[in-house]
Amino acid sequence: MNKKINLGIIFGGRSTEHEISVRSARSIINAIDPDKYHITLIGIDKTGKWYINNIQGFLQAKNLLQATPDEAVENEISIAKKDNFTGVVNISNNQSIQSLDVVFPILHGSFGEDGTIQGVLKALDLPFVGVDILASAVGMDKDFTKRLLRDAGIPIAKYLCVNKNNFKQYSFEKIISILGNPVFIKPANAGSSVGVHKVSEESELESSLLDAFLYDNKILIEEAVIGKEVECAILGNEDPKASVLGEIVPKSDFYSYESKYLNTSDTEMKIPADVDPIVAQNIRETAVKAFQCIGAEGLSRVDFFLRKDNTFVLNEINTMPGFTNISMYPKLWEATGIGYKELLDKLIVLALERHQRNMNLHTSL
């Protein structure tokens, strides 16, 4: 009998997407093969403290939307490397609790999807699921992502980037003369449509910008692209593959945080998307090109707007997409022929393979 892989699942975090991470972790735990993996569930609360969580207590929590990772807490912990041990350590007495072979940091947004946790794990020589430090940081920052995509010839929406010191230089008239009307206001480093506003009148501009500035110090003002919202899932390291396309059909004004996670009846998902096959293949190839452009490996979800004339722009790259039971990323791979449980296995294998490849690199002359 093969030895079980010691898998750490890290979830929660100091992010506006904390609750989504909680939901994603629950879906993963419910689906993953217990005969292959020994799971250590590590929750990070909203203050940044790390805890070992009791898995059954976590799964049985009644109000998952409000659940915090420290439900059923046993110990406040850290992940450390000492002697021949790398894994979970009790902070209070420095005692080793559980070694780890690989980590799945199912953290969305700041401190989880921006290279922060990836840097911690890489410094500890721990394999981890998802993209590496640089691609995480670039993918999280919509401004830098757009700059790289533009340089690679990948079509993007027109935008302005502003900060708290210069945003008043842009009047409503100036903005719409450059970008048209309406426009979208977006924090540069946030996900799940947090802090996003559609603005079509001058009276809406300042309040929308000030709300977005609650979540980031850098804001994108972006042209509104009229068209279908089409998404593609990417899986792989050196030779990534693209899934079939999915289409988001929001019944509200746009695909907001509430539409994604709270009022899901307001949104319809079409998988596969109703897209011309030649155009669909072009989008899939562009998604792979964008994935490689930012140096990503492992997984990402790449989102597009497809206009009626079949031209498209890349909206954003999500380097750690949601893994809830209603999330697009696993649904796209299911429609492509890879079920949820198999998808988790593949992601863990990719993490281990990348780590081994990188460990073979010389670190001295």
Protein backbone atom coordinates (compact mmCIF):
# COMPACT_ATOMS: atom_id res chain seq x y z
CA MET A 1 0.00 0.00 0.00
CA ASN A 2 1.37 3.41 -1.00
CA LYS A 3 2.08 5.90 1.73
CA LYS A 4 -0.41 8.74 1.98
CA ILE A 5 0.73 12.19 0.90
CA ASN A 6 0.72 14.68 3.77
CA LEU A 7 -1.33 17.52 2.32
CA GLY A 8 -1.76 20.86 4.05
CA ILE A 9 -4.82 22.86 3.01
CA ILE A 10 -4.48 26.54 3.94
CA PHE A 11 -7.62 28.65 3.81
CA GLY A 12 -9.27 31.83 5.11
CA GLY A 13 -6.76 34.65 5.20
CA ARG A 14 -6.61 38.43 5.56
CA SER A 15 -8.65 39.21 2.49
CA THR A 16 -12.02 40.49 1.39
CA GLU A 17 -12.43 37.02 -0.15
CA HIS A 18 -11.98 35.22 3.18
CA GLU A 19 -15.45 33.67 3.14
CA ILE A 20 -15.03 32.41 -0.42
CA SER A 21 -11.82 30.67 0.65
CA VAL A 22 -13.72 28.98 3.48
CA ARG A 23 -16.27 27.66 0.98
CA SER A 24 -13.54 26.52 -1.42
CA ALA A 25 -11.75 24.62 1.35
CA ARG A 26 -14.90 22.80 2.32
CA SER A 27 -15.54 21.69 -1.26
CA ILE A 28 -11.96 20.40 -1.61
CA ILE A 29 -12.10 18.44 1.65
CA ASN A 30 -15.41 16.86 0.68
CA ALA A 31 -14.04 15.77 -2.71
CA ILE A 32 -10.42 14.76 -2.12
CA ASP A 33 -9.50 11.07 -1.88
CA PRO A 34 -8.86 10.18 1.81
CA ASP A 35 -7.03 7.04 0.74
CA LYS A 36 -4.37 9.13 -1.03
CA TYR A 37 -3.99 12.08 1.32
CA HIS A 38 -3.57 12.76 5.00
CA ILE A 39 -5.07 16.23 5.35
CA THR A 40 -3.94 18.91 7.78
CA LEU A 41 -6.42 21.78 7.74
CA ILE A 42 -4.78 25.13 8.45
CA GLY A 43 -6.98 28.18 8.89
CA ILE A 44 -5.81 31.78 8.85
CA ASP A 45 -8.19 34.16 10.60
CA LYS A 46 -8.83 37.76 9.58
CA THR A 47 -6.14 39.02 11.95
CA GLY A 48 -3.50 36.79 10.34
CA LYS A 49 -3.24 34.12 13.05
CA TRP A 50 -2.75 30.51 11.90
CA TYR A 51 -4.58 27.57 13.47
CA ILE A 52 -4.95 23.83 13.15
CA ASN A 53 -8.62 23.11 12.52
CA ASN A 54 -10.62 20.02 13.32
CA ILE A 55 -11.83 18.80 9.94
CA GLN A 56 -15.15 17.37 11.06
CA GLY A 57 -15.92 20.43 13.14
CA PHE A 58 -15.13 22.62 10.15
CA LEU A 59 -17.29 20.59 7.77
CA GLN A 60 -20.23 20.60 10.19
CA ALA A 61 -20.14 24.36 10.79
CA LYS A 62 -23.67 25.56 10.09
CA ASN A 63 -23.00 29.08 8.88
CA LEU A 64 -20.09 28.76 6.47
CA LEU A 65 -20.46 32.26 5.07
CA GLN A 66 -19.66 33.71 8.47
CA ALA A 67 -17.38 30.85 9.54
CA THR A 68 -13.87 31.73 10.61
CA PRO A 69 -10.92 29.36 10.23
CA ASP A 70 -10.43 29.13 14.00
CA GLU A 71 -13.67 27.23 14.57
CA ALA A 72 -12.85 24.10 16.54
CA VAL A 73 -9.32 25.40 17.09
CA GLU A 74 -6.83 23.02 18.62
CA ASN A 75 -3.61 25.04 18.39
CA GLU A 76 -2.22 28.31 17.13
CA ILE A 77 0.55 27.27 14.78
CA SER A 78 3.09 28.22 12.18
CA ILE A 79 4.78 26.31 9.35
CA ALA A 80 8.49 25.90 9.94
CA LYS A 81 11.57 24.01 8.78
CA LYS A 82 13.92 22.57 11.41
CA ASP A 83 16.40 19.71 11.20
CA ASN A 84 14.79 17.08 8.93
CA PHE A 85 11.25 18.29 9.62
CA THR A 86 9.15 20.69 7.54
CA GLY A 87 5.57 21.19 8.61
CA VAL A 88 3.22 22.46 11.27
CA VAL A 89 4.70 23.62 14.58
CA ASN A 90 2.93 24.64 17.80
CA ILE A 91 3.86 28.26 18.51
CA SER A 92 3.48 27.99 22.28
CA ASN A 93 5.99 25.17 22.81
CA ASN A 94 7.78 24.85 19.44
CA GLN A 95 6.70 21.21 19.20
CA SER A 96 6.35 19.59 15.79
CA ILE A 97 2.74 18.64 15.04
CA GLN A 98 2.56 17.33 11.46
CA SER A 99 5.03 17.11 8.59
CA LEU A 100 3.87 18.29 5.17
CA ASP A 101 4.74 16.99 1.71
CA VAL A 102 2.75 19.55 -0.29
CA VAL A 103 0.43 22.47 0.41
CA PHE A 104 -2.77 23.62 -1.28
CA PRO A 105 -3.08 27.32 -0.40
CA ILE A 106 -6.73 27.85 -1.32
CA LEU A 107 -6.45 31.53 -0.48
CA HIS A 108 -8.03 34.21 -2.65
CA GLY A 109 -7.08 37.86 -2.84
CA SER A 110 -4.53 39.77 -0.77
CA PHE A 111 -1.92 37.82 1.23
CA GLY A 112 -2.90 34.62 -0.57
CA GLU A 113 -3.11 35.15 -4.30
CA ASP A 114 -0.54 37.93 -4.54
CA GLY A 115 2.70 36.00 -3.96
CA THR A 116 2.80 36.44 -0.19
CA ILE A 117 1.99 32.87 0.86
CA GLN A 118 3.85 31.52 -2.16
CA GLY A 119 7.02 33.24 -0.93
CA VAL A 120 6.62 31.75 2.54
CA LEU A 121 6.17 28.23 1.17
CA LYS A 122 9.02 28.56 -1.32
CA ALA A 123 11.37 29.76 1.40
CA LEU A 124 10.52 26.56 3.30
CA ASP A 125 11.13 24.37 0.22
CA LEU A 126 7.53 23.18 0.37
CA PRO A 127 5.79 22.26 -2.89
CA PHE A 128 2.51 24.13 -3.35
CA VAL A 129 -0.44 24.09 -5.71
CA GLY A 130 -0.83 27.10 -7.96
CA VAL A 131 1.35 29.65 -9.67
CA ASP A 132 4.71 30.79 -8.32
CA ILE A 133 5.64 34.08 -6.61
CA LEU A 134 6.13 36.35 -9.63
CA ALA A 135 3.07 35.19 -11.57
CA SER A 136 0.96 35.45 -8.42
CA ALA A 137 2.04 39.05 -7.84
CA VAL A 138 1.62 40.05 -11.48
CA GLY A 139 -1.70 38.24 -11.89
CA MET A 140 -3.08 39.92 -8.78
CA ASP A 141 -2.25 43.41 -10.04
CA LYS A 142 -4.60 44.19 -12.94
CA ASP A 143 -2.50 47.16 -14.03
CA PHE A 144 0.74 45.17 -14.39
CA THR A 145 -1.11 42.25 -15.97
CA LYS A 146 -2.53 44.54 -18.63
CA ARG A 147 0.88 46.03 -19.36
CA LEU A 148 2.40 42.60 -19.99
CA LEU A 149 -0.56 41.44 -22.07
CA ARG A 150 -0.46 44.61 -24.16
CA ASP A 151 3.25 44.09 -24.80
CA ALA A 152 2.51 40.52 -25.91
CA GLY A 153 -0.11 41.72 -28.39
CA ILE A 154 -3.05 40.33 -26.44
CA PRO A 155 -6.14 42.57 -26.73
CA ILE A 156 -7.20 44.35 -23.52
CA ALA A 157 -9.80 46.99 -22.65
CA LYS A 158 -8.73 50.64 -22.60
CA TYR A 159 -8.10 51.89 -19.07
CA LEU A 160 -6.67 54.56 -16.81
CA CYS A 161 -4.79 53.81 -13.60
CA VAL A 162 -5.17 56.28 -10.72
CA ASN A 163 -4.12 56.56 -7.10
CA LYS A 164 -5.28 58.59 -4.11
CA ASN A 165 -2.99 61.48 -5.03
CA ASN A 166 -3.98 61.97 -8.65
CA PHE A 167 -7.53 60.68 -9.17
CA LYS A 168 -9.06 64.17 -8.89
CA GLN A 169 -7.11 65.18 -11.99
CA TYR A 170 -9.54 63.09 -14.00
CA SER A 171 -12.92 64.75 -14.36
CA PHE A 172 -15.90 62.73 -15.49
CA GLU A 173 -15.80 64.55 -18.84
CA LYS A 174 -12.12 63.73 -19.34
CA ILE A 175 -12.63 60.07 -18.43
CA ILE A 176 -15.52 59.48 -20.80
CA SER A 177 -13.71 61.35 -23.59
CA ILE A 178 -10.94 58.73 -23.31
CA LEU A 179 -12.89 55.61 -22.35
CA GLY A 180 -16.49 56.25 -23.33
CA ASN A 181 -19.58 55.99 -21.17
CA PRO A 182 -20.18 53.98 -18.99
CA VAL A 183 -16.95 52.96 -17.27
CA PHE A 184 -16.03 50.45 -14.58
CA ILE A 185 -14.15 51.33 -11.41
CA LYS A 186 -11.99 48.46 -10.08
CA PRO A 187 -9.41 48.04 -7.31
CA ALA A 188 -6.20 46.95 -9.05
CA ASN A 189 -5.48 44.24 -6.46
CA ALA A 190 -8.79 42.67 -5.50
CA GLY A 191 -10.95 39.88 -6.82
CA SER A 192 -14.49 38.49 -6.81
CA SER A 193 -15.75 41.90 -8.01
CA VAL A 194 -15.14 43.43 -4.57
CA GLY A 195 -15.19 47.23 -4.78
CA VAL A 196 -16.25 47.21 -8.45
CA HIS A 197 -18.71 49.85 -9.66
CA LYS A 198 -20.35 50.65 -12.98
CA VAL A 199 -20.42 54.43 -13.45
CA SER A 200 -22.49 56.24 -16.06
CA GLU A 201 -23.12 59.61 -14.39
CA GLU A 202 -20.82 62.26 -12.96
CA SER A 203 -22.58 62.09 -9.58
CA GLU A 204 -21.51 58.43 -9.19
CA LEU A 205 -17.82 58.86 -9.92
CA GLU A 206 -16.28 60.16 -6.69
CA SER A 207 -18.26 57.89 -4.34
CA SER A 208 -17.39 54.85 -6.48
CA LEU A 209 -13.69 55.74 -6.47
CA LEU A 210 -13.67 56.33 -2.72
CA ASP A 211 -15.33 52.95 -2.11
CA ALA A 212 -12.80 51.22 -4.37
CA PHE A 213 -9.98 52.94 -2.48
CA LEU A 214 -11.16 51.13 0.66
CA TYR A 215 -9.77 47.95 -0.88
CA ASP A 216 -6.65 49.13 -2.70
CA ASN A 217 -4.35 52.13 -3.16
CA LYS A 218 -4.41 51.82 -6.95
CA ILE A 219 -7.62 51.90 -9.00
CA LEU A 220 -8.42 51.07 -12.61
CA ILE A 221 -10.98 53.08 -14.55
CA GLU A 222 -11.85 50.86 -17.49
CA GLU A 223 -13.96 51.14 -20.61
CA ALA A 224 -17.17 49.10 -20.58
CA VAL A 225 -16.85 46.37 -23.19
CA ILE A 226 -20.26 45.24 -24.40
CA GLY A 227 -20.31 41.52 -25.00
CA LYS A 228 -20.47 38.04 -23.53
CA GLU A 229 -18.44 37.22 -20.43
CA VAL A 230 -16.47 34.12 -21.45
CA GLU A 231 -14.08 32.17 -19.24
CA CYS A 232 -11.41 29.55 -19.87
CA ALA A 233 -9.62 27.31 -17.36
CA ILE A 234 -5.91 26.53 -17.77
CA LEU A 235 -4.11 23.53 -16.30
CA GLY A 236 -0.46 22.53 -16.58
CA ASN A 237 3.16 23.55 -16.12
CA GLU A 238 5.44 23.73 -19.18
CA ASP A 239 2.71 22.48 -21.54
CA PRO A 240 -0.56 23.98 -20.25
CA LYS A 241 -3.95 22.97 -21.64
CA ALA A 242 -7.13 24.99 -22.03
CA SER A 243 -10.62 23.81 -21.11
CA VAL A 244 -13.81 24.33 -23.04
CA LEU A 245 -15.22 27.82 -22.66
CA GLY A 246 -17.93 28.83 -20.23
CA GLU A 247 -20.21 31.83 -20.41
CA ILE A 248 -21.47 33.95 -17.51
CA VAL A 249 -24.96 35.37 -18.03
CA PRO A 250 -25.67 37.74 -15.12
CA LYS A 251 -29.28 38.77 -14.69
CA SER A 252 -28.19 41.82 -12.71
CA ASP A 253 -26.33 44.81 -14.17
CA PHE A 254 -22.96 43.04 -14.04
CA TYR A 255 -21.32 39.97 -12.49
CA SER A 256 -20.98 41.33 -8.96
CA TYR A 257 -19.79 39.72 -5.71
CA GLU A 258 -23.42 39.13 -4.77
CA SER A 259 -24.17 37.45 -8.11
CA LYS A 260 -21.12 35.21 -7.80
CA TYR A 261 -21.59 33.97 -4.26
CA LEU A 262 -24.73 35.20 -2.48
CA ASN A 263 -27.57 35.39 -5.00
CA THR A 264 -26.43 32.73 -7.46
CA SER A 265 -29.93 32.52 -8.96
CA ASP A 266 -29.13 35.93 -10.48
CA THR A 267 -26.51 34.29 -12.70
CA GLU A 268 -26.63 31.59 -15.35
CA MET A 269 -23.57 29.60 -16.41
CA LYS A 270 -23.48 28.15 -19.92
CA ILE A 271 -20.95 25.36 -20.37
CA PRO A 272 -19.88 25.07 -23.09
CA ALA A 273 -20.34 28.67 -24.12
CA ASP A 274 -22.30 29.47 -27.26
CA VAL A 275 -19.31 30.65 -29.27
CA ASP A 276 -18.30 30.06 -32.88
CA PRO A 277 -15.83 27.10 -32.85
CA ILE A 278 -13.07 29.02 -34.66
CA VAL A 279 -13.45 31.99 -32.31
CA ALA A 280 -13.54 29.64 -29.31
CA GLN A 281 -10.27 28.05 -30.38
CA ASN A 282 -8.70 31.49 -30.79
CA ILE A 283 -9.81 32.45 -27.28
CA ARG A 284 -8.45 29.20 -25.84
CA GLU A 285 -5.08 29.76 -27.54
CA THR A 286 -5.02 33.35 -26.27
CA ALA A 287 -5.78 32.14 -22.74
CA VAL A 288 -2.77 29.81 -22.85
CA LYS A 289 -0.59 32.59 -24.29
CA ALA A 290 -1.65 34.95 -21.48
CA PHE A 291 -1.03 32.24 -18.86
CA GLN A 292 2.51 31.80 -20.14
CA CYS A 293 2.98 35.55 -20.62
CA ILE A 294 2.80 36.19 -16.86
CA GLY A 295 4.92 33.10 -16.12
CA ALA A 296 2.09 31.07 -14.60
CA GLU A 297 2.15 27.33 -13.94
CA GLY A 298 -0.35 25.00 -12.30
CA LEU A 299 -3.70 26.67 -12.83
CA SER A 300 -5.51 29.87 -13.68
CA ARG A 301 -8.86 31.00 -15.01
CA VAL A 302 -8.69 33.53 -17.84
CA ASP A 303 -11.69 35.79 -18.41
CA PHE A 304 -12.68 37.52 -21.66
CA PHE A 305 -15.33 39.80 -23.10
CA LEU A 306 -16.55 38.62 -26.51
CA ARG A 307 -18.22 41.26 -28.69
CA LYS A 308 -20.98 40.60 -31.23
CA ASP A 309 -18.49 40.97 -34.08
CA ASN A 310 -16.46 38.09 -32.54
CA THR A 311 -13.58 40.33 -31.50
CA PHE A 312 -12.61 39.96 -27.85
CA VAL A 313 -10.53 41.46 -25.05
CA LEU A 314 -8.93 39.71 -22.12
CA ASN A 315 -10.50 41.00 -18.90
CA GLU A 316 -8.33 39.40 -16.21
CA ILE A 317 -6.36 36.35 -15.08
CA ASN A 318 -7.31 34.65 -11.81
CA THR A 319 -4.31 32.69 -10.55
CA MET A 320 -6.24 30.99 -7.72
CA PRO A 321 -9.85 30.78 -8.89
CA GLY A 322 -12.67 29.71 -6.62
CA PHE A 323 -13.08 26.00 -5.88
CA THR A 324 -16.59 26.01 -4.46
CA ASN A 325 -19.20 23.61 -5.78
CA ILE A 326 -20.55 26.40 -8.01
CA SER A 327 -17.18 27.75 -9.19
CA MET A 328 -16.47 28.00 -12.89
CA TYR A 329 -12.92 26.56 -12.84
CA PRO A 330 -13.79 23.00 -11.73
CA LYS A 331 -17.01 23.06 -13.76
CA LEU A 332 -15.08 23.91 -16.92
CA TRP A 333 -12.72 20.99 -16.41
CA GLU A 334 -15.61 18.67 -15.62
CA ALA A 335 -17.15 19.62 -18.97
CA THR A 336 -13.75 19.01 -20.61
CA GLY A 337 -13.53 15.52 -19.12
CA ILE A 338 -11.68 15.94 -15.81
CA GLY A 339 -13.82 15.49 -12.70
CA TYR A 340 -13.30 17.41 -9.46
CA LYS A 341 -11.43 14.63 -7.62
CA GLU A 342 -9.15 13.92 -10.60
CA LEU A 343 -8.54 17.66 -11.00
CA LEU A 344 -7.31 17.92 -7.41
CA ASP A 345 -4.95 14.97 -8.01
CA LYS A 346 -3.56 16.60 -11.15
CA LEU A 347 -2.96 19.92 -9.41
CA ILE A 348 -1.06 18.23 -6.59
CA VAL A 349 1.04 16.22 -9.06
CA LEU A 350 1.84 19.41 -10.97
CA ALA A 351 2.95 21.05 -7.72
CA LEU A 352 5.25 18.16 -6.86
CA GLU A 353 6.69 17.97 -10.39
CA ARG A 354 7.46 21.69 -10.50
CA HIS A 355 9.10 21.56 -7.09
CA GLN A 356 11.32 18.64 -8.11
CA ARG A 357 12.27 20.39 -11.35
CA ASN A 358 13.20 23.55 -9.45
CA MET A 359 15.14 21.62 -6.80
CA ASN A 360 17.36 20.25 -9.58
CA LEU A 361 18.55 23.77 -10.42
CA HIS A 362 22.02 24.78 -9.22
CA THR A 363 22.04 27.32 -6.39
CA SER A 364 25.83 27.72 -6.29
CA LEU A 365 28.72 27.63 -8.76
